[in-house]
């Protein structure tokens, strides 16, 4: 077989292209149209997806900002409430401390006043008792002097004198005179010599 020249080759190849175009041309054009439509649809879909992604980003950003703002407001509100509650607690503690301090001061003052009153009462009672003791001592000595002066004028037996002094001692001591001795003394001693009854 003789070799083909370039021109013949071109001619034959051109014929092959024509044959292929005749056999597959319609399908190839349909495929090209489909590919172009798919490419166009993909481009539109890509643009639509890009738009939707941007919308989602915008919505999410807005919601995130709103959530963050709400969270910050809640934190500020909680912080403010905590500060107010802390201030209220401090004020209550200060009021309790002041009340407690004033109560302690009032109690100290009352105790001081009562102590001073008791001290004054004790001092007055001591003075009164001292005065009563002095008065009683004076009365006893006066009574003894009176009795002794009577004894100087009247002769009294030793037994009678013992009875009188015993009765005097018993009355000063505050006990009741023994009835038998008292009766015996009344029989032996004149009523002028008896000690006066204590009232």
C-alpha atoms as a PDB file:
ATOM      1  CA  UNK A   1       0.000   0.000   0.000  1.00  0.00           C
ATOM      2  CA  UNK A   2       1.311   3.343  -1.018  1.00  0.00           C
ATOM      3  CA  UNK A   3       1.904   5.972   1.634  1.00  0.00           C
ATOM      4  CA  UNK A   4      -0.656   8.739   1.893  1.00  0.00           C
ATOM      5  CA  UNK A   5       0.353  12.259   1.330  1.00  0.00           C
ATOM      6  CA  UNK A   6      -0.408  14.994   3.817  1.00  0.00           C
ATOM      7  CA  UNK A   7      -3.149  16.365   1.673  1.00  0.00           C
ATOM      8  CA  UNK A   8      -4.771  13.004   1.365  1.00  0.00           C
ATOM      9  CA  UNK A   9      -4.447  12.535   5.091  1.00  0.00           C
ATOM     10  CA  UNK A  10      -6.093  15.859   5.711  1.00  0.00           C
ATOM     11  CA  UNK A  11      -8.825  15.039   3.321  1.00  0.00           C
ATOM     12  CA  UNK A  12      -9.468  11.690   4.909  1.00  0.00           C
ATOM     13  CA  UNK A  13      -9.372  13.174   8.416  1.00  0.00           C
ATOM     14  CA  UNK A  14     -11.794  15.836   7.320  1.00  0.00           C
ATOM     15  CA  UNK A  15     -14.033  13.152   6.014  1.00  0.00           C
ATOM     16  CA  UNK A  16     -13.758  11.296   9.380  1.00  0.00           C
ATOM     17  CA  UNK A  17     -14.757  14.458  11.220  1.00  0.00           C
ATOM     18  CA  UNK A  18     -17.688  14.858   8.911  1.00  0.00           C
ATOM     19  CA  UNK A  19     -18.675  11.233   9.397  1.00  0.00           C
ATOM     20  CA  UNK A  20     -18.347  11.547  13.148  1.00  0.00           C
ATOM     21  CA  UNK A  21     -20.320  14.775  13.069  1.00  0.00           C
ATOM     22  CA  UNK A  22     -23.035  13.045  11.058  1.00  0.00           C
ATOM     23  CA  UNK A  23     -23.174  10.022  13.413  1.00  0.00           C
ATOM     24  CA  UNK A  24     -22.509  11.620  16.854  1.00  0.00           C
ATOM     25  CA  UNK A  25     -23.045  15.318  16.180  1.00  0.00           C
ATOM     26  CA  UNK A  26     -26.548  15.563  17.590  1.00  0.00           C
ATOM     27  CA  UNK A  27     -25.610  13.633  20.736  1.00  0.00           C
ATOM     28  CA  UNK A  28     -22.405  15.597  21.179  1.00  0.00           C
ATOM     29  CA  UNK A  29     -24.285  18.878  20.825  1.00  0.00           C
ATOM     30  CA  UNK A  30     -26.897  17.614  23.303  1.00  0.00           C
ATOM     31  CA  UNK A  31     -24.124  16.609  25.706  1.00  0.00           C
ATOM     32  CA  UNK A  32     -22.446  19.997  25.233  1.00  0.00           C
ATOM     33  CA  UNK A  33     -25.757  21.724  25.900  1.00  0.00           C
ATOM     34  CA  UNK A  34     -26.297  19.560  28.966  1.00  0.00           C
ATOM     35  CA  UNK A  35     -22.781  20.247  30.208  1.00  0.00           C
ATOM     36  CA  UNK A  36     -23.280  23.983  29.603  1.00  0.00           C
ATOM     37  CA  UNK A  37     -26.625  23.835  31.449  1.00  0.00           C
ATOM     38  CA  UNK A  38     -25.069  21.821  34.302  1.00  0.00           C
ATOM     39  CA  UNK A  39     -22.200  24.300  34.445  1.00  0.00           C
ATOM     40  CA  UNK A  40     -24.672  27.171  34.459  1.00  0.00           C
ATOM     41  CA  UNK A  41     -26.807  25.445  37.086  1.00  0.00           C
ATOM     42  CA  UNK A  42     -23.720  24.762  39.177  1.00  0.00           C
ATOM     43  CA  UNK A  43     -22.675  28.389  38.890  1.00  0.00           C
ATOM     44  CA  UNK A  44     -26.180  29.540  39.862  1.00  0.00           C
ATOM     45  CA  UNK A  45     -26.271  26.988  42.688  1.00  0.00           C
ATOM     46  CA  UNK A  46     -22.847  28.119  43.833  1.00  0.00           C
ATOM     47  CA  UNK A  47     -23.952  31.750  43.812  1.00  0.00           C
ATOM     48  CA  UNK A  48     -27.182  30.796  45.601  1.00  0.00           C
ATOM     49  CA  UNK A  49     -25.216  28.796  48.161  1.00  0.00           C
ATOM     50  CA  UNK A  50     -22.869  31.722  48.636  1.00  0.00           C
ATOM     51  CA  UNK A  51     -25.836  34.050  49.170  1.00  0.00           C
ATOM     52  CA  UNK A  52     -27.436  31.610  51.595  1.00  0.00           C
ATOM     53  CA  UNK A  53     -24.157  31.147  53.467  1.00  0.00           C
ATOM     54  CA  UNK A  54     -23.854  34.921  53.782  1.00  0.00           C
ATOM     55  CA  UNK A  55     -27.459  35.098  55.011  1.00  0.00           C
ATOM     56  CA  UNK A  56     -26.813  32.333  57.537  1.00  0.00           C
ATOM     57  CA  UNK A  57     -23.643  34.124  58.635  1.00  0.00           C
ATOM     58  CA  UNK A  58     -25.591  37.350  59.029  1.00  0.00           C
ATOM     59  CA  UNK A  59     -28.419  35.636  60.948  1.00  0.00           C
ATOM     60  CA  UNK A  60     -25.975  33.736  63.146  1.00  0.00           C
ATOM     61  CA  UNK A  61     -23.933  36.874  63.782  1.00  0.00           C
ATOM     62  CA  UNK A  62     -27.080  38.787  64.698  1.00  0.00           C
ATOM     63  CA  UNK A  63     -28.291  36.006  66.977  1.00  0.00           C
ATOM     64  CA  UNK A  64     -24.841  35.647  68.522  1.00  0.00           C
ATOM     65  CA  UNK A  65     -24.658  39.399  69.139  1.00  0.00           C
ATOM     66  CA  UNK A  66     -28.160  39.342  70.639  1.00  0.00           C
ATOM     67  CA  UNK A  67     -27.255  36.340  72.829  1.00  0.00           C
ATOM     68  CA  UNK A  68     -24.009  37.992  73.932  1.00  0.00           C
ATOM     69  CA  UNK A  69     -25.835  41.261  74.669  1.00  0.00           C
ATOM     70  CA  UNK A  70     -28.490  39.364  76.642  1.00  0.00           C
ATOM     71  CA  UNK A  71     -25.813  37.434  78.524  1.00  0.00           C
ATOM     72  CA  UNK A  72     -23.909  40.640  79.302  1.00  0.00           C
ATOM     73  CA  UNK A  73     -27.127  42.269  80.503  1.00  0.00           C
ATOM     74  CA  UNK A  74     -27.862  39.274  82.712  1.00  0.00           C
ATOM     75  CA  UNK A  75     -24.311  39.345  84.091  1.00  0.00           C
ATOM     76  CA  UNK A  76     -24.615  43.082  84.753  1.00  0.00           C
ATOM     77  CA  UNK A  77     -28.019  42.557  86.381  1.00  0.00           C
ATOM     78  CA  UNK A  78     -26.683  39.712  88.551  1.00  0.00           C
ATOM     79  CA  UNK A  79     -23.628  41.794  89.438  1.00  0.00           C
ATOM     80  CA  UNK A  80     -25.821  44.784  90.285  1.00  0.00           C
ATOM     81  CA  UNK A  81     -28.180  42.611  92.348  1.00  0.00           C
ATOM     82  CA  UNK A  82     -25.216  41.031  94.109  1.00  0.00           C
ATOM     83  CA  UNK A  83     -23.773  44.457  94.871  1.00  0.00           C
ATOM     84  CA  UNK A  84     -27.157  45.681  96.128  1.00  0.00           C
ATOM     85  CA  UNK A  85     -27.618  42.562  98.281  1.00  0.00           C
ATOM     86  CA  UNK A  86     -24.069  42.944  99.598  1.00  0.00           C
ATOM     87  CA  UNK A  87     -24.757  46.598 100.410  1.00  0.00           C
ATOM     88  CA  UNK A  88     -28.039  45.620 102.127  1.00  0.00           C
ATOM     89  CA  UNK A  89     -26.249  42.938 104.140  1.00  0.00           C
ATOM     90  CA  UNK A  90     -23.554  45.412 105.146  1.00  0.00           C
ATOM     91  CA  UNK A  91     -26.199  47.927 106.215  1.00  0.00           C
ATOM     92  CA  UNK A  92     -28.019  45.252 108.231  1.00  0.00           C
ATOM     93  CA  UNK A  93     -24.740  44.188 109.855  1.00  0.00           C
ATOM     94  CA  UNK A  94     -23.928  47.836 110.643  1.00  0.00           C
ATOM     95  CA  UNK A  95     -27.417  48.333 112.139  1.00  0.00           C
ATOM     96  CA  UNK A  96     -27.067  45.158 114.222  1.00  0.00           C
ATOM     97  CA  UNK A  97     -23.600  46.244 115.389  1.00  0.00           C
ATOM     98  CA  UNK A  98     -24.877  49.697 116.334  1.00  0.00           C
ATOM     99  CA  UNK A  99     -27.897  48.191 118.119  1.00  0.00           C
ATOM    100  CA  UNK A 100     -25.684  45.658 119.892  1.00  0.00           C
ATOM    101  CA  UNK A 101     -23.203  48.385 120.880  1.00  0.00           C
ATOM    102  CA  UNK A 102     -25.983  50.658 122.155  1.00  0.00           C
ATOM    103  CA  UNK A 103     -27.529  47.722 124.054  1.00  0.00           C
ATOM    104  CA  UNK A 104     -24.168  46.926 125.641  1.00  0.00           C
ATOM    105  CA  UNK A 105     -23.661  50.588 126.522  1.00  0.00           C
ATOM    106  CA  UNK A 106     -27.162  50.776 128.010  1.00  0.00           C
ATOM    107  CA  UNK A 107     -26.528  47.542 129.939  1.00  0.00           C
ATOM    108  CA  UNK A 108     -23.181  48.837 131.201  1.00  0.00           C
ATOM    109  CA  UNK A 109     -24.827  52.100 132.235  1.00  0.00           C
ATOM    110  CA  UNK A 110     -27.680  50.226 133.973  1.00  0.00           C
ATOM    111  CA  UNK A 111     -25.183  47.983 135.772  1.00  0.00           C
ATOM    112  CA  UNK A 112     -23.125  51.017 136.794  1.00  0.00           C
ATOM    113  CA  UNK A 113     -26.266  52.761 138.030  1.00  0.00           C
ATOM    114  CA  UNK A 114     -27.426  49.691 139.960  1.00  0.00           C
ATOM    115  CA  UNK A 115     -23.949  49.160 141.373  1.00  0.00           C
ATOM    116  CA  UNK A 116     -23.799  52.789 142.442  1.00  0.00           C
ATOM    117  CA  UNK A 117     -27.291  52.561 143.931  1.00  0.00           C
ATOM    118  CA  UNK A 118     -26.372  49.379 145.802  1.00  0.00           C
ATOM    119  CA  UNK A 119     -23.162  50.984 146.984  1.00  0.00           C
ATOM    120  CA  UNK A 120     -25.101  54.012 148.218  1.00  0.00           C
ATOM    121  CA  UNK A 121     -27.695  51.763 149.874  1.00  0.00           C
ATOM    122  CA  UNK A 122     -24.964  49.727 151.554  1.00  0.00           C
ATOM    123  CA  UNK A 123     -23.242  52.882 152.706  1.00  0.00           C
ATOM    124  CA  UNK A 124     -26.504  54.275 154.092  1.00  0.00           C
ATOM    125  CA  UNK A 125     -27.332  50.933 155.714  1.00  0.00           C
ATOM    126  CA  UNK A 126     -23.863  50.768 157.258  1.00  0.00           C
ATOM    127  CA  UNK A 127     -24.192  54.301 158.568  1.00  0.00           C
ATOM    128  CA  UNK A 128     -27.696  53.557 159.853  1.00  0.00           C
ATOM    129  CA  UNK A 129     -26.549  50.360 161.539  1.00  0.00           C
ATOM    130  CA  UNK A 130     -23.570  52.168 163.006  1.00  0.00           C
ATOM    131  CA  UNK A 131     -25.855  54.889 164.279  1.00  0.00           C
ATOM    132  CA  UNK A 132     -28.331  52.342 165.685  1.00  0.00           C
ATOM    133  CA  UNK A 133     -25.446  50.461 167.296  1.00  0.00           C
ATOM    134  CA  UNK A 134     -24.147  53.644 168.863  1.00  0.00           C
ATOM    135  CA  UNK A 135     -27.646  54.556 170.014  1.00  0.00           C
ATOM    136  CA  UNK A 136     -28.238  51.079 171.430  1.00  0.00           C
ATOM    137  CA  UNK A 137     -24.858  51.124 173.130  1.00  0.00           C
ATOM    138  CA  UNK A 138     -25.665  54.512 174.615  1.00  0.00           C
ATOM    139  CA  UNK A 139     -29.066  53.283 175.774  1.00  0.00           C
ATOM    140  CA  UNK A 140     -27.518  50.155 177.296  1.00  0.00           C
ATOM    141  CA  UNK A 141     -24.881  52.148 179.142  1.00  0.00           C
ATOM    142  CA  UNK A 142     -27.483  54.652 180.270  1.00  0.00           C
ATOM    143  CA  UNK A 143     -29.696  51.837 181.494  1.00  0.00           C
ATOM    144  CA  UNK A 144     -26.738  50.219 183.247  1.00  0.00           C
ATOM    145  CA  UNK A 145     -25.825  53.515 184.849  1.00  0.00           C
ATOM    146  CA  UNK A 146     -29.421  53.948 185.951  1.00  0.00           C
ATOM    147  CA  UNK A 147     -29.592  50.454 187.369  1.00  0.00           C
ATOM    148  CA  UNK A 148     -26.237  50.812 189.075  1.00  0.00           C
ATOM    149  CA  UNK A 149     -27.324  54.119 190.578  1.00  0.00           C
ATOM    150  CA  UNK A 150     -30.454  52.376 191.870  1.00  0.00           C
ATOM    151  CA  UNK A 151     -28.318  49.579 193.196  1.00  0.00           C
ATOM    152  CA  UNK A 152     -26.211  52.057 195.081  1.00  0.00           C
ATOM    153  CA  UNK A 153     -29.310  53.335 196.839  1.00  0.00           C
ATOM    154  CA  UNK A 154     -30.873  49.925 197.512  1.00  0.00           C
ATOM    155  CA  UNK A 155     -29.124  46.867 198.816  1.00  0.00           C
ATOM    156  CA  UNK A 156     -29.580  43.952 196.480  1.00  0.00           C
ATOM    157  CA  UNK A 157     -28.332  40.471 197.002  1.00  0.00           C
ATOM    158  CA  UNK A 158     -25.796  38.889 194.741  1.00  0.00           C
ATOM    159  CA  UNK A 159     -28.387  36.442 193.476  1.00  0.00           C
ATOM    160  CA  UNK A 160     -30.734  39.261 192.540  1.00  0.00           C
ATOM    161  CA  UNK A 161     -27.891  41.107 190.785  1.00  0.00           C
ATOM    162  CA  UNK A 162     -26.997  37.928 188.857  1.00  0.00           C
ATOM    163  CA  UNK A 163     -30.639  37.532 187.802  1.00  0.00           C
ATOM    164  CA  UNK A 164     -30.842  41.158 186.627  1.00  0.00           C
ATOM    165  CA  UNK A 165     -27.589  40.971 184.644  1.00  0.00           C
ATOM    166  CA  UNK A 166     -28.601  37.620 183.181  1.00  0.00           C
ATOM    167  CA  UNK A 167     -31.954  39.036 182.067  1.00  0.00           C
ATOM    168  CA  UNK A 168     -30.200  42.069 180.617  1.00  0.00           C
ATOM    169  CA  UNK A 169     -27.808  39.844 178.705  1.00  0.00           C
ATOM    170  CA  UNK A 170     -30.626  37.726 177.362  1.00  0.00           C
ATOM    171  CA  UNK A 171     -32.595  40.747 176.177  1.00  0.00           C
ATOM    172  CA  UNK A 172     -29.548  42.243 174.505  1.00  0.00           C
ATOM    173  CA  UNK A 173     -28.902  38.948 172.814  1.00  0.00           C
ATOM    174  CA  UNK A 174     -32.517  38.885 171.579  1.00  0.00           C
ATOM    175  CA  UNK A 175     -33.609  35.574 173.134  1.00  0.00           C
ATOM    176  CA  UNK A 176     -36.598  35.074 175.379  1.00  0.00           C
ATOM    177  CA  UNK A 177     -35.865  34.874 179.048  1.00  0.00           C
ATOM    178  CA  UNK A 178     -36.404  31.408 180.521  1.00  0.00           C
ATOM    179  CA  UNK A 179     -39.900  31.485 182.129  1.00  0.00           C
ATOM    180  CA  UNK A 180     -38.852  29.746 185.315  1.00  0.00           C
ATOM    181  CA  UNK A 181     -35.975  32.150 185.889  1.00  0.00           C
ATOM    182  CA  UNK A 182     -38.146  35.082 184.941  1.00  0.00           C
ATOM    183  CA  UNK A 183     -40.801  34.008 187.465  1.00  0.00           C
ATOM    184  CA  UNK A 184     -38.180  33.541 190.136  1.00  0.00           C
ATOM    185  CA  UNK A 185     -36.712  36.929 189.350  1.00  0.00           C
ATOM    186  CA  UNK A 186     -40.157  38.527 189.500  1.00  0.00           C
ATOM    187  CA  UNK A 187     -40.724  36.996 192.933  1.00  0.00           C
ATOM    188  CA  UNK A 188     -37.369  38.133 194.304  1.00  0.00           C
ATOM    189  CA  UNK A 189     -36.915  41.556 192.659  1.00  0.00           C
ATOM    190  CA  UNK A 190     -39.036  44.586 193.037  1.00  0.00           C
ATOM    191  CA  UNK A 191     -40.631  45.813 189.787  1.00  0.00           C
ATOM    192  CA  UNK A 192     -38.699  49.102 190.077  1.00  0.00           C
ATOM    193  CA  UNK A 193     -35.481  47.242 189.400  1.00  0.00           C
ATOM    194  CA  UNK A 194     -36.587  45.265 186.366  1.00  0.00           C
ATOM    195  CA  UNK A 195     -35.337  46.211 182.869  1.00  0.00           C
ATOM    196  CA  UNK A 196     -37.921  47.767 180.483  1.00  0.00           C
ATOM    197  CA  UNK A 197     -39.403  45.494 177.808  1.00  0.00           C
ATOM    198  CA  UNK A 198     -37.893  45.868 174.292  1.00  0.00           C
ATOM    199  CA  UNK A 199     -40.255  47.071 171.568  1.00  0.00           C
END
